[in-house]
Amino acid sequence: MIVQIDKVINVLKSLKGPFSLIYYCKVTNKLYFTRDRFGRNSLLIHKNSNSLVLSSVLGTQYENYEVPVSHISVLDLNTHKILLYTWKATDIVQQCNLGDWLKTLQLKQSLSDLDFTVEANIPWDIDGLDDTVSFIESVAKKTKCNVTIMKTLSQHPEIQTTINKIMYLLNKSIHKRLKRQPNLCRNCLKITEINCSHSAVGVLFSGGLDCTILALLADKYVPKNQSIDLLNVAFNKENPTYDVPDRITGRKSLEELRRLCPLRKWTFKEINVPKEELEEFQISVIADLIYPRQTILDESLGSALWFAARGQDHHSVSNCRVLFSGTGADELFGGYTRHRAVFKRLGWAGLCKELQLDWERIPYRNLARDNRVICDHGRQPRMPYLDEEFAEFVIHLKPWLKCFPSKHLGHGLGDKLMLRLVAYNIGLMEVSTFPKRALQFGSRVANKNEKVNGGLVFLRAAFVLLEVGGLHIFTE
């Protein structure tokens, strides 16, 4: 039997959704490995003098690198040459030695966001703008009432069409991620003929715009007899109580969800983490999960996500198997403060380029780290904003149909304007104007004076170990 590389590559290119994949072809002694093109799942690689290790988690005992998402890699185990196939229809194939390739991974992994560049590809007449820009500006100048602004903007034909399309695609994305999910919590999974009324689905819930939209739309597709867990994490490293900003907004958003969906049981889990517990698990577990990422930001975000995904409040531990996350919304819809700063300096052309840059580098940032952290609890992250069809539509929108960070539309309105209009149109009146707040600050896990912790290795992962002479799979 002759196994043609092109056929395997074409099958891999047809895959959609989050995945990391290792495929060994015994006939050709070739190893195929890759991650989905957005980098939603983790895959790490380590090589020493006589072995190669590929795994979703490796920890600090191995010097390892995240497998890049830009290519499908094909390693010839006879020659140690590696072929790199792009995701494009017409392949640009590169060939190099495995050792040289790993050196480039090491270099790229050390790059900061400032080191990334992108050639701006702007398909619209940015200078000429269009009538929609003038309309938004005129509405924003006439009134300071956010509700009036959103109501008026929603009536504009192009904006209304965009809102409807975003709602359609986001609903489709959420439904897709739930319809093949068994409607059973972890405790009921192995019990046959049971009508599970526990939470099989949860939301990483700060109470902010992105996650509250997901929670409200998920209500349509989760069985009505089941509860939905809203996992809200808070730290008291420097606070006498756990009433941190995300806890306060979380409670407010919970009230809106209860108003809009009174028949749904919303389980708001207040996950409180004392300083001693945070430091203990940062050393014993979290350091290994975030590695090879090792900045203060990685530690802060990784810690917040790990405790949130654990789902343990003072009453019980969440039994949900799927966790929705609002990841990707800020990059797609211009939710960061720097977007406003870029617009102020460089106008629409500069903002357009910045949004493109955000999208180009999203696979290289924190998705794999977050995947390792959340999956450590046996839960699967779901990121509806990073659905291929949804993202494809949003990235091709004109920048003013994503956000409008002018001086007339302040924080909590101009940033992620289109997503705020979606929230307004589905009834989230208060949530639609909540300002963006970073997780590490909203949960109060961040401390700028701390350094990244090292840690002991408690590795629980399935390994693929390639030794000279063959392929062996084992579990440690």
Foldseek 3Di string as FASTA:
>chain_A
DDDDPVVVLVVVLPDFDWDWDWDADPVQRKIKTATALLQQAWWKWADDDFWIWIFLFDFDVTAIFTGHHQFIWMARLVVQKIWTFGSDPDTDIDIDHNVVVVVVRVVVLPDDLVPDADDFDDPDDQVVDDVLVVVLVVLLVVDPDQLSSLVVNCPDVVLVVLLVVLVVLLLVLLLVVPVPPPLAFQVCPPPPPDDDQEAQEEEAALLALLRLVSVLSNCVRRPLSHAYEHQHFAEPAPHPDRPFQSVVSRVVSVVQSCVLCVSHHYHYAYQYDYPVNLVVCLFAPQNRLQPVDFFLVSSLVLSRLLSSLQQDHPPGTGRHAEYEYSPPLCLLQVQDPVLLVQCVVPNQSSSLRSSVSSSVCSSSDCSSSSQSSNCVNNHGYRHSCPGPVSSVVRNPDRNQSRFASDPSQHFQDRGRPSSLSSCVVSRVVPSSRDGDDDPSRRNVSHDPPDGRHGHDDPDFIWMWMDGPPGTDTDTD
